[in-house]
Amino acid sequence: MKLVIVTVVEEFQDVVLKLFKKANIESFSSSDIDGYKNIPSVLKTSSWFPSEKGGNESSMFFSFTDDEHIDALFELIKAFNENLETNNPMKAIVVPIEKYI
């Protein structure tokens, strides 16, 4: 068993849900998060409040599952990212689990 974590901008939340379903990952959790990228200093100084950094509304999805389902999900995410027209690809990682109850 492993932990798979996927992060996306809010715009792609529905897509992630469909990809989890296609990969037959039926049990998962999600959380709203703020995503940040380093902003060039020129853009910071042009904002109304240059000392404030704003995050993008994003989501994190995670599931404890097996390699077969993770491999299927990664193939679907890879295909999605290849056809992406924005600079906000889906990101996914896998974390091995040593023990669980």
Protein backbone atom coordinates (compact mmCIF):
# COMPACT_ATOMS: atom_id res chain seq x y z
CA MET A 1 0.00 0.00 0.00
CA LYS A 2 1.16 3.51 -0.86
CA LEU A 3 -0.08 7.05 -0.48
CA VAL A 4 -0.72 8.97 -3.70
CA ILE A 5 -1.08 12.75 -3.48
CA VAL A 6 -2.35 14.92 -6.34
CA THR A 7 -2.43 18.71 -6.37
CA VAL A 8 -4.33 20.86 -8.87
CA VAL A 9 -5.60 24.39 -9.30
CA GLU A 10 -9.28 24.82 -8.50
CA GLU A 11 -10.15 24.87 -12.21
CA PHE A 12 -9.24 21.17 -12.56
CA GLN A 13 -11.01 19.71 -9.50
CA ASP A 14 -13.70 18.02 -11.58
CA VAL A 15 -11.06 16.53 -13.88
CA VAL A 16 -9.21 14.95 -10.94
CA LEU A 17 -12.41 13.35 -9.69
CA LYS A 18 -12.94 11.81 -13.13
CA LEU A 19 -9.34 10.58 -13.30
CA PHE A 20 -9.58 8.94 -9.89
CA LYS A 21 -12.76 7.20 -11.04
CA LYS A 22 -11.15 6.03 -14.32
CA ALA A 23 -8.20 4.65 -12.34
CA ASN A 24 -10.68 2.76 -10.11
CA ILE A 25 -9.59 4.64 -7.00
CA GLU A 26 -12.89 4.71 -5.16
CA SER A 27 -11.72 5.85 -1.74
CA PHE A 28 -9.88 9.15 -1.40
CA SER A 29 -9.89 12.44 0.49
CA SER A 30 -9.45 16.05 -0.52
CA SER A 31 -8.56 19.36 1.02
CA ASP A 32 -8.63 22.97 -0.17
CA ILE A 33 -5.17 24.54 -0.18
CA ASP A 34 -3.47 27.69 -1.45
CA GLY A 35 -0.84 27.13 -4.11
CA TYR A 36 2.11 29.50 -4.48
CA LYS A 37 4.74 30.13 -7.12
CA ASN A 38 7.69 32.49 -6.84
CA ILE A 39 6.57 35.74 -8.44
CA PRO A 40 9.20 37.89 -10.21
CA SER A 41 9.87 41.12 -8.31
CA VAL A 42 8.55 43.24 -11.21
CA LEU A 43 5.10 41.74 -10.76
CA LYS A 44 5.21 42.20 -6.99
CA THR A 45 5.91 45.92 -7.27
CA SER A 46 3.09 46.45 -9.74
CA SER A 47 0.43 45.10 -7.38
CA TRP A 48 -1.67 47.34 -5.14
CA PHE A 49 -0.32 45.61 -2.06
CA PRO A 50 3.23 44.56 -3.00
CA SER A 51 4.03 43.22 0.48
CA GLU A 52 1.18 40.69 0.26
CA LYS A 53 1.61 37.45 -1.61
CA GLY A 54 -1.52 35.82 -2.96
CA GLY A 55 -1.98 32.13 -3.46
CA ASN A 56 -3.98 30.31 -6.08
CA GLU A 57 -6.98 28.41 -4.86
CA SER A 58 -6.00 24.78 -5.26
CA SER A 59 -6.94 21.31 -4.08
CA MET A 60 -5.04 18.33 -2.78
CA PHE A 61 -6.42 14.83 -3.25
CA PHE A 62 -4.92 11.78 -1.57
CA SER A 63 -5.58 8.08 -1.34
CA PHE A 64 -4.05 4.98 0.19
CA THR A 65 -4.00 2.46 -2.65
CA ASP A 66 -1.88 -0.08 -4.53
CA ASP A 67 0.60 0.16 -7.42
CA GLU A 68 -1.90 -0.98 -10.05
CA HIS A 69 -4.29 1.89 -9.35
CA ILE A 70 -1.46 4.41 -8.96
CA ASP A 71 0.05 3.40 -12.32
CA ALA A 72 -3.33 3.86 -14.01
CA LEU A 73 -3.78 7.27 -12.38
CA PHE A 74 -0.28 8.42 -13.37
CA GLU A 75 -0.93 7.47 -17.02
CA LEU A 76 -4.15 9.48 -16.99
CA ILE A 77 -2.46 12.50 -15.37
CA LYS A 78 0.41 12.32 -17.84
CA ALA A 79 -2.03 12.35 -20.78
CA PHE A 80 -3.94 15.26 -19.24
CA ASN A 81 -0.78 17.32 -18.71
CA GLU A 82 0.43 16.71 -22.27
CA ASN A 83 -2.67 18.45 -23.65
CA LEU A 84 -2.66 21.28 -21.12
CA GLU A 85 -2.81 24.85 -22.40
CA THR A 86 -1.99 26.55 -19.07
CA ASN A 87 1.13 26.63 -16.92
CA ASN A 88 -0.59 24.75 -14.07
CA PRO A 89 -0.10 21.02 -14.59
CA MET A 90 -1.46 18.42 -12.24
CA LYS A 91 1.24 17.26 -9.87
CA ALA A 92 1.31 13.83 -8.27
CA ILE A 93 3.63 12.00 -5.91
CA VAL A 94 3.71 8.56 -4.31
CA VAL A 95 4.84 7.96 -0.75
CA PRO A 96 5.56 4.42 0.48
CA ILE A 97 3.83 3.37 3.67
CA GLU A 98 5.93 1.35 6.12
CA LYS A 99 3.17 0.48 8.58
CA TYR A 100 -0.55 0.95 8.82
CA ILE A 101 -3.48 -0.23 10.87
